[in-house]
Amino acid sequence: MQDRPLRDKKALQQLYNTVLPELAKHIHQHLADVIALFHDFRLERLLDTWTREPGTDAKAEISIEQGNIQQMGLRLRLEGFERVGADNFDLTKDLLFKLERNFYTVGPDKENNWLEMDYLQHWDNAAYEMVAEKWVEQLIDDLTQKLENLAT
């Protein structure tokens, strides 16, 4: 049995510089109707440089260069919901890549995973679309819930 590739600088750079921007493009395509409801939006990459792997040196730098990042992802910030008769509000949603030693998972949070991939494994269009569609679907559910709460 062949060993799975390990989390390292090259794998993290590939995720951060290639996979996340391409995934953001797919998400953006699915967001057109939602974005129109808000005054402004931002979809940006996240990089967690605070979370340490258990048992590591507390003084060791956490970075892509060191290959020891535990989480990265995307954050969408929708600002200024604009609809007559509704109070303005903002909405934020994250998409998390939880970076294990030999693989990573993709989902809306640490507990829910939609996809598990080996490092340097190629993302095909179907994988991008599946994650983008599920994430935007959850965003629409969050928006609907927020509007229902405002109506009551």
N, C-alpha and C. Protein backbone atom coordinates (compact mmCIF):
# COMPACT_ATOMS: atom_id res chain seq x y z
N MET A 1 0.83 -1.18 0.00
CA MET A 1 0.00 0.00 0.00
C MET A 1 0.87 1.24 0.00
N GLN A 2 0.56 2.16 -0.87
CA GLN A 2 1.34 3.39 -0.98
C GLN A 2 0.91 4.37 0.11
N ASP A 3 1.90 5.02 0.72
CA ASP A 3 1.61 6.01 1.75
C ASP A 3 0.99 7.25 1.13
N ARG A 4 0.14 7.90 1.90
CA ARG A 4 -0.46 9.15 1.46
C ARG A 4 0.58 10.26 1.59
N PRO A 5 0.53 11.25 0.70
CA PRO A 5 1.48 12.36 0.83
C PRO A 5 1.22 13.14 2.12
N LEU A 6 2.28 13.70 2.66
CA LEU A 6 2.19 14.45 3.91
C LEU A 6 1.91 15.92 3.64
N ARG A 7 1.34 16.56 4.67
CA ARG A 7 1.16 18.01 4.62
C ARG A 7 2.55 18.63 4.66
N ASP A 8 2.85 19.45 3.67
CA ASP A 8 4.14 20.14 3.62
C ASP A 8 3.97 21.47 2.89
N LYS A 9 5.06 22.19 2.75
CA LYS A 9 5.03 23.51 2.12
C LYS A 9 4.42 23.45 0.73
N LYS A 10 4.85 22.50 -0.09
CA LYS A 10 4.37 22.40 -1.48
C LYS A 10 2.86 22.13 -1.51
N ALA A 11 2.40 21.22 -0.67
CA ALA A 11 0.98 20.88 -0.63
C ALA A 11 0.14 22.07 -0.18
N LEU A 12 0.59 22.78 0.83
CA LEU A 12 -0.14 23.93 1.34
C LEU A 12 -0.16 25.07 0.33
N GLN A 13 0.96 25.29 -0.36
CA GLN A 13 1.00 26.34 -1.38
C GLN A 13 0.04 26.01 -2.52
N GLN A 14 -0.04 24.74 -2.90
CA GLN A 14 -0.94 24.34 -3.97
C GLN A 14 -2.40 24.59 -3.58
N LEU A 15 -2.75 24.28 -2.35
CA LEU A 15 -4.11 24.54 -1.87
C LEU A 15 -4.40 26.03 -1.83
N TYR A 16 -3.49 26.79 -1.24
CA TYR A 16 -3.71 28.22 -1.02
C TYR A 16 -3.69 29.02 -2.32
N ASN A 17 -2.75 28.69 -3.20
CA ASN A 17 -2.55 29.49 -4.41
C ASN A 17 -3.33 29.01 -5.63
N THR A 18 -3.77 27.75 -5.63
CA THR A 18 -4.46 27.20 -6.79
C THR A 18 -5.88 26.77 -6.48
N VAL A 19 -6.06 25.92 -5.49
CA VAL A 19 -7.38 25.36 -5.20
C VAL A 19 -8.33 26.43 -4.65
N LEU A 20 -7.92 27.18 -3.65
CA LEU A 20 -8.81 28.18 -3.06
C LEU A 20 -9.27 29.23 -4.07
N PRO A 21 -8.38 29.82 -4.88
CA PRO A 21 -8.87 30.79 -5.87
C PRO A 21 -9.84 30.17 -6.89
N GLU A 22 -9.58 28.96 -7.34
CA GLU A 22 -10.48 28.32 -8.29
C GLU A 22 -11.82 28.01 -7.64
N LEU A 23 -11.80 27.55 -6.40
CA LEU A 23 -13.04 27.30 -5.68
C LEU A 23 -13.81 28.60 -5.48
N ALA A 24 -13.12 29.68 -5.19
CA ALA A 24 -13.77 30.99 -5.04
C ALA A 24 -14.48 31.39 -6.33
N LYS A 25 -13.89 31.10 -7.48
CA LYS A 25 -14.54 31.42 -8.76
C LYS A 25 -15.85 30.65 -8.91
N HIS A 26 -15.83 29.37 -8.57
CA HIS A 26 -17.03 28.55 -8.66
C HIS A 26 -18.11 29.06 -7.69
N ILE A 27 -17.70 29.39 -6.49
CA ILE A 27 -18.65 29.91 -5.50
C ILE A 27 -19.25 31.22 -5.99
N HIS A 28 -18.40 32.10 -6.49
CA HIS A 28 -18.86 33.41 -6.97
C HIS A 28 -19.92 33.25 -8.06
N GLN A 29 -19.73 32.29 -8.96
CA GLN A 29 -20.71 32.05 -10.02
C GLN A 29 -22.07 31.67 -9.47
N HIS A 30 -22.09 30.96 -8.34
CA HIS A 30 -23.35 30.52 -7.73
C HIS A 30 -23.97 31.60 -6.84
N LEU A 31 -23.24 32.67 -6.59
CA LEU A 31 -23.69 33.69 -5.65
C LEU A 31 -24.37 34.90 -6.27
N ALA A 32 -24.46 34.98 -7.57
CA ALA A 32 -24.94 36.20 -8.24
C ALA A 32 -26.26 36.71 -7.67
N ASP A 33 -27.23 35.83 -7.50
CA ASP A 33 -28.54 36.26 -7.00
C ASP A 33 -28.47 36.72 -5.54
N VAL A 34 -27.63 36.08 -4.75
CA VAL A 34 -27.50 36.44 -3.33
C VAL A 34 -26.77 37.77 -3.19
N ILE A 35 -25.70 37.95 -3.95
CA ILE A 35 -24.91 39.18 -3.87
C ILE A 35 -25.77 40.40 -4.18
N ALA A 36 -26.70 40.26 -5.10
CA ALA A 36 -27.55 41.38 -5.51
C ALA A 36 -28.41 41.91 -4.36
N LEU A 37 -28.62 41.10 -3.32
CA LEU A 37 -29.44 41.52 -2.18
C LEU A 37 -28.67 42.37 -1.17
N PHE A 38 -27.35 42.46 -1.34
CA PHE A 38 -26.50 43.16 -0.37
C PHE A 38 -25.80 44.34 -1.03
N HIS A 39 -25.43 45.30 -0.18
CA HIS A 39 -24.73 46.49 -0.64
C HIS A 39 -23.32 46.16 -1.13
N ASP A 40 -22.64 45.27 -0.42
CA ASP A 40 -21.25 44.95 -0.74
C ASP A 40 -20.94 43.52 -0.31
N PHE A 41 -19.89 42.95 -0.88
CA PHE A 41 -19.47 41.61 -0.48
C PHE A 41 -17.96 41.48 -0.63
N ARG A 42 -17.41 40.53 0.12
CA ARG A 42 -16.00 40.14 0.02
C ARG A 42 -15.92 38.63 0.12
N LEU A 43 -15.15 38.02 -0.75
CA LEU A 43 -14.85 36.60 -0.68
C LEU A 43 -13.34 36.50 -0.68
N GLU A 44 -12.79 36.07 0.46
CA GLU A 44 -11.33 36.10 0.60
C GLU A 44 -10.81 34.80 1.21
N ARG A 45 -9.53 34.56 0.99
CA ARG A 45 -8.89 33.37 1.55
C ARG A 45 -8.57 33.61 3.03
N LEU A 46 -8.66 32.53 3.80
CA LEU A 46 -8.31 32.55 5.22
C LEU A 46 -7.10 31.66 5.44
N LEU A 47 -6.28 32.03 6.39
CA LEU A 47 -5.13 31.22 6.77
C LEU A 47 -4.98 31.31 8.28
N ASP A 48 -5.12 30.19 8.95
CA ASP A 48 -5.04 30.15 10.41
C ASP A 48 -3.57 29.97 10.82
N THR A 49 -2.98 31.04 11.34
CA THR A 49 -1.59 30.97 11.80
C THR A 49 -1.51 30.96 13.33
N TRP A 50 -2.62 30.57 13.96
CA TRP A 50 -2.65 30.53 15.43
C TRP A 50 -2.74 29.10 15.97
N THR A 51 -3.44 28.24 15.28
CA THR A 51 -3.68 26.89 15.79
C THR A 51 -2.45 26.03 15.63
N ARG A 52 -2.01 25.47 16.75
CA ARG A 52 -0.83 24.61 16.75
C ARG A 52 -1.22 23.14 16.80
N GLU A 53 -0.38 22.34 16.18
CA GLU A 53 -0.55 20.89 16.27
C GLU A 53 -0.18 20.47 17.69
N PRO A 54 -0.97 19.58 18.30
CA PRO A 54 -0.63 19.14 19.66
C PRO A 54 0.79 18.60 19.74
N GLY A 55 1.47 18.97 20.80
CA GLY A 55 2.82 18.48 21.05
C GLY A 55 3.92 19.21 20.30
N THR A 56 3.60 20.33 19.65
CA THR A 56 4.65 21.07 18.94
C THR A 56 5.19 22.19 19.83
N ASP A 57 6.36 22.64 19.47
CA ASP A 57 7.04 23.71 20.19
C ASP A 57 6.21 25.00 20.11
N ALA A 58 5.93 25.58 21.25
CA ALA A 58 5.11 26.79 21.32
C ALA A 58 5.79 27.99 20.65
N LYS A 59 7.08 27.93 20.45
CA LYS A 59 7.81 29.03 19.83
C LYS A 59 7.95 28.87 18.32
N ALA A 60 7.61 27.72 17.80
CA ALA A 60 7.76 27.46 16.36
C ALA A 60 6.76 28.31 15.57
N GLU A 61 7.24 28.91 14.51
CA GLU A 61 6.39 29.73 13.64
C GLU A 61 5.39 28.83 12.91
N ILE A 62 4.15 29.31 12.80
CA ILE A 62 3.12 28.59 12.06
C ILE A 62 2.94 29.32 10.73
N SER A 63 3.24 28.64 9.64
CA SER A 63 3.16 29.28 8.33
C SER A 63 3.11 28.23 7.22
N ILE A 64 2.76 28.69 6.04
CA ILE A 64 2.80 27.80 4.87
C ILE A 64 4.24 27.36 4.64
N GLU A 65 5.18 28.27 4.80
CA GLU A 65 6.60 27.97 4.58
C GLU A 65 7.08 26.83 5.48
N GLN A 66 6.55 26.77 6.70
CA GLN A 66 6.93 25.72 7.63
C GLN A 66 6.14 24.42 7.39
N GLY A 67 5.06 24.52 6.61
CA GLY A 67 4.24 23.34 6.32
C GLY A 67 3.42 22.86 7.49
N ASN A 68 3.13 23.76 8.45
CA ASN A 68 2.45 23.33 9.68
C ASN A 68 1.12 24.05 9.93
N ILE A 69 0.54 24.62 8.89
CA ILE A 69 -0.79 25.25 9.01
C ILE A 69 -1.81 24.15 9.28
N GLN A 70 -2.75 24.41 10.18
CA GLN A 70 -3.78 23.42 10.53
C GLN A 70 -5.10 23.65 9.79
N GLN A 71 -5.35 24.92 9.39
CA GLN A 71 -6.61 25.26 8.75
C GLN A 71 -6.41 26.41 7.76
N MET A 72 -7.16 26.34 6.68
CA MET A 72 -7.25 27.46 5.75
C MET A 72 -8.64 27.38 5.13
N GLY A 73 -8.99 28.35 4.33
CA GLY A 73 -10.30 28.29 3.71
C GLY A 73 -10.70 29.59 3.05
N LEU A 74 -12.01 29.77 2.94
CA LEU A 74 -12.58 30.97 2.34
C LEU A 74 -13.56 31.59 3.32
N ARG A 75 -13.66 32.90 3.28
CA ARG A 75 -14.65 33.62 4.09
C ARG A 75 -15.41 34.57 3.17
N LEU A 76 -16.73 34.46 3.25
CA LEU A 76 -17.61 35.36 2.52
C LEU A 76 -18.21 36.33 3.52
N ARG A 77 -18.15 37.59 3.19
CA ARG A 77 -18.78 38.62 4.03
C ARG A 77 -19.72 39.40 3.14
N LEU A 78 -21.00 39.28 3.43
CA LEU A 78 -22.05 40.03 2.73
C LEU A 78 -22.46 41.16 3.65
N GLU A 79 -22.41 42.40 3.16
CA GLU A 79 -22.66 43.56 4.01
C GLU A 79 -23.85 44.36 3.51
N GLY A 80 -24.68 44.79 4.44
CA GLY A 80 -25.77 45.70 4.16
C GLY A 80 -26.90 45.10 3.35
N PHE A 81 -27.58 44.10 3.92
CA PHE A 81 -28.75 43.54 3.25
C PHE A 81 -29.71 44.68 2.92
N GLU A 82 -30.12 44.77 1.66
CA GLU A 82 -30.95 45.89 1.22
C GLU A 82 -32.29 45.37 0.70
N ARG A 83 -33.32 45.58 1.52
CA ARG A 83 -34.67 45.20 1.11
C ARG A 83 -35.64 46.10 1.86
N VAL A 84 -36.58 46.65 1.13
CA VAL A 84 -37.56 47.55 1.73
C VAL A 84 -38.32 46.80 2.82
N GLY A 85 -38.44 47.43 3.96
CA GLY A 85 -39.18 46.83 5.07
C GLY A 85 -38.36 45.91 5.94
N ALA A 86 -37.11 45.67 5.62
CA ALA A 86 -36.27 44.80 6.44
C ALA A 86 -35.09 45.61 6.99
N ASP A 87 -34.71 45.30 8.21
CA ASP A 87 -33.54 45.95 8.79
C ASP A 87 -32.29 45.49 8.04
N ASN A 88 -31.33 46.41 7.91
CA ASN A 88 -30.06 46.03 7.30
C ASN A 88 -29.31 45.08 8.22
N PHE A 89 -28.62 44.13 7.64
CA PHE A 89 -27.77 43.23 8.41
C PHE A 89 -26.65 42.71 7.51
N ASP A 90 -25.64 42.16 8.15
CA ASP A 90 -24.51 41.56 7.45
C ASP A 90 -24.56 40.05 7.68
N LEU A 91 -23.90 39.32 6.81
CA LEU A 91 -23.85 37.87 6.92
C LEU A 91 -22.43 37.41 6.60
N THR A 92 -21.88 36.55 7.43
CA THR A 92 -20.54 36.01 7.21
C THR A 92 -20.62 34.49 7.21
N LYS A 93 -19.87 33.87 6.29
CA LYS A 93 -19.85 32.41 6.23
C LYS A 93 -18.46 31.95 5.83
N ASP A 94 -17.97 30.92 6.50
CA ASP A 94 -16.65 30.36 6.22
C ASP A 94 -16.77 29.00 5.56
N LEU A 95 -15.76 28.67 4.80
CA LEU A 95 -15.57 27.32 4.25
C LEU A 95 -14.20 26.88 4.73
N LEU A 96 -14.15 25.78 5.44
CA LEU A 96 -12.94 25.37 6.14
C LEU A 96 -12.25 24.18 5.48
N PHE A 97 -10.96 24.32 5.26
CA PHE A 97 -10.09 23.21 4.89
C PHE A 97 -9.35 22.82 6.16
N LYS A 98 -9.69 21.68 6.73
CA LYS A 98 -9.03 21.20 7.94
C LYS A 98 -7.88 20.30 7.49
N LEU A 99 -6.67 20.72 7.83
CA LEU A 99 -5.45 20.11 7.30
C LEU A 99 -4.87 19.09 8.27
N GLU A 100 -5.15 17.85 8.01
CA GLU A 100 -4.58 16.75 8.81
C GLU A 100 -3.18 16.46 8.31
N ARG A 101 -2.52 15.52 8.93
CA ARG A 101 -1.14 15.21 8.54
C ARG A 101 -1.05 14.56 7.15
N ASN A 102 -1.96 13.62 6.83
CA ASN A 102 -1.89 12.88 5.58
C ASN A 102 -3.02 13.16 4.59
N PHE A 103 -3.95 14.01 4.97
CA PHE A 103 -5.09 14.35 4.10
C PHE A 103 -5.72 15.62 4.63
N TYR A 104 -6.68 16.14 3.89
CA TYR A 104 -7.43 17.29 4.37
C TYR A 104 -8.91 17.09 4.07
N THR A 105 -9.73 17.78 4.85
CA THR A 105 -11.17 17.73 4.64
C THR A 105 -11.68 19.13 4.33
N VAL A 106 -12.81 19.17 3.64
CA VAL A 106 -13.42 20.44 3.26
C VAL A 106 -14.87 20.41 3.74
N GLY A 107 -15.27 21.47 4.43
CA GLY A 107 -16.64 21.56 4.90
C GLY A 107 -16.92 22.93 5.50
N PRO A 108 -18.14 23.11 6.00
CA PRO A 108 -18.52 24.41 6.53
C PRO A 108 -17.94 24.70 7.92
N ASP A 109 -17.46 23.66 8.61
CA ASP A 109 -16.89 23.82 9.95
C ASP A 109 -16.04 22.60 10.29
N LYS A 110 -15.52 22.56 11.50
CA LYS A 110 -14.63 21.47 11.90
C LYS A 110 -15.33 20.12 12.01
N GLU A 111 -16.62 20.12 12.29
CA GLU A 111 -17.35 18.87 12.52
C GLU A 111 -17.95 18.25 11.27
N ASN A 112 -18.26 19.07 10.26
CA ASN A 112 -18.93 18.59 9.05
C ASN A 112 -17.98 18.62 7.86
N ASN A 113 -17.79 17.46 7.25
CA ASN A 113 -16.89 17.34 6.12
C ASN A 113 -17.66 16.85 4.90
N TRP A 114 -17.49 17.55 3.80
CA TRP A 114 -18.14 17.17 2.55
C TRP A 114 -17.20 16.41 1.63
N LEU A 115 -15.91 16.59 1.85
CA LEU A 115 -14.93 16.05 0.92
C LEU A 115 -13.65 15.76 1.68
N GLU A 116 -13.02 14.64 1.37
CA GLU A 116 -11.71 14.31 1.92
C GLU A 116 -10.78 14.07 0.75
N MET A 117 -9.63 14.71 0.79
CA MET A 117 -8.68 14.64 -0.33
C MET A 117 -7.27 14.38 0.20
N ASP A 118 -6.48 13.72 -0.63
CA ASP A 118 -5.05 13.60 -0.37
C ASP A 118 -4.38 14.89 -0.82
N TYR A 119 -3.27 15.22 -0.18
CA TYR A 119 -2.51 16.39 -0.61
C TYR A 119 -2.02 16.15 -2.03
N LEU A 120 -2.03 17.21 -2.82
CA LEU A 120 -1.63 17.24 -4.22
C LEU A 120 -2.57 16.46 -5.13
N GLN A 121 -3.67 15.92 -4.59
CA GLN A 121 -4.68 15.27 -5.43
C GLN A 121 -5.38 16.33 -6.27
N HIS A 122 -5.59 16.02 -7.54
CA HIS A 122 -6.20 16.97 -8.48
C HIS A 122 -7.68 17.16 -8.18
N TRP A 123 -8.11 18.41 -8.15
CA TRP A 123 -9.53 18.74 -8.04
C TRP A 123 -10.09 18.81 -9.45
N ASP A 124 -11.13 18.04 -9.73
CA ASP A 124 -11.78 18.15 -11.03
C ASP A 124 -12.97 19.11 -10.89
N ASN A 125 -13.57 19.44 -12.01
CA ASN A 125 -14.67 20.40 -12.02
C ASN A 125 -15.83 19.92 -11.13
N ALA A 126 -16.09 18.62 -11.12
CA ALA A 126 -17.19 18.08 -10.31
C ALA A 126 -16.96 18.35 -8.82
N ALA A 127 -15.73 18.24 -8.35
CA ALA A 127 -15.43 18.50 -6.94
C ALA A 127 -15.64 19.98 -6.61
N TYR A 128 -15.14 20.87 -7.48
CA TYR A 128 -15.36 22.30 -7.25
C TYR A 128 -16.85 22.62 -7.21
N GLU A 129 -17.59 22.09 -8.16
CA GLU A 129 -19.03 22.37 -8.24
C GLU A 129 -19.78 21.81 -7.03
N MET A 130 -19.45 20.61 -6.61
CA MET A 130 -20.14 20.00 -5.47
C MET A 130 -19.95 20.85 -4.22
N VAL A 131 -18.72 21.25 -3.94
CA VAL A 131 -18.44 22.05 -2.74
C VAL A 131 -19.11 23.42 -2.87
N ALA A 132 -18.99 24.05 -4.03
CA ALA A 132 -19.58 25.39 -4.23
C ALA A 132 -21.10 25.32 -4.07
N GLU A 133 -21.74 24.34 -4.67
CA GLU A 133 -23.20 24.23 -4.58
C GLU A 133 -23.67 23.98 -3.14
N LYS A 134 -23.00 23.07 -2.43
CA LYS A 134 -23.40 22.78 -1.05
C LYS A 134 -23.21 24.00 -0.16
N TRP A 135 -22.10 24.71 -0.36
CA TRP A 135 -21.80 25.85 0.48
C TRP A 135 -22.78 26.99 0.23
N VAL A 136 -23.08 27.26 -1.03
CA VAL A 136 -24.03 28.33 -1.35
C VAL A 136 -25.42 27.94 -0.88
N GLU A 137 -25.77 26.67 -0.98
CA GLU A 137 -27.07 26.19 -0.47
C GLU A 137 -27.19 26.47 1.03
N GLN A 138 -26.12 26.19 1.78
CA GLN A 138 -26.13 26.48 3.22
C GLN A 138 -26.20 27.98 3.48
N LEU A 139 -25.52 28.77 2.66
CA LEU A 139 -25.57 30.22 2.80
C LEU A 139 -27.01 30.71 2.60
N ILE A 140 -27.69 30.20 1.59
CA ILE A 140 -29.08 30.60 1.35
C ILE A 140 -29.96 30.17 2.51
N ASP A 141 -29.71 29.00 3.08
CA ASP A 141 -30.45 28.56 4.27
C ASP A 141 -30.21 29.52 5.43
N ASP A 142 -28.94 29.94 5.62
CA ASP A 142 -28.61 30.90 6.69
C ASP A 142 -29.32 32.22 6.47
N LEU A 143 -29.34 32.70 5.23
CA LEU A 143 -30.00 33.95 4.90
C LEU A 143 -31.51 33.85 5.14
N THR A 144 -32.10 32.75 4.72
CA THR A 144 -33.53 32.52 4.93
C THR A 144 -33.87 32.52 6.42
N GLN A 145 -33.05 31.83 7.21
CA GLN A 145 -33.26 31.77 8.66
C GLN A 145 -33.16 33.16 9.28
N LYS A 146 -32.19 33.94 8.84
CA LYS A 146 -32.02 35.30 9.35
C LYS A 146 -33.25 36.15 9.03
N LEU A 147 -33.76 36.03 7.81
CA LEU A 147 -34.96 36.80 7.41
C LEU A 147 -36.18 36.35 8.20
N GLU A 148 -36.31 35.05 8.43
CA GLU A 148 -37.44 34.55 9.22
C GLU A 148 -37.37 35.05 10.65
N ASN A 149 -36.17 35.10 11.22
CA ASN A 149 -36.00 35.60 12.58
C ASN A 149 -36.33 37.09 12.67
N LEU A 150 -36.02 37.85 11.62
CA LEU A 150 -36.33 39.27 11.61
C LEU A 150 -37.83 39.50 11.48
N ALA A 151 -38.52 38.59 10.83
CA ALA A 151 -39.97 38.74 10.60
C ALA A 151 -40.78 38.43 11.85
N THR A 152 -40.18 37.70 12.79
CA THR A 152 -40.94 37.35 14.00
C THR A 152 -40.73 38.33 15.13
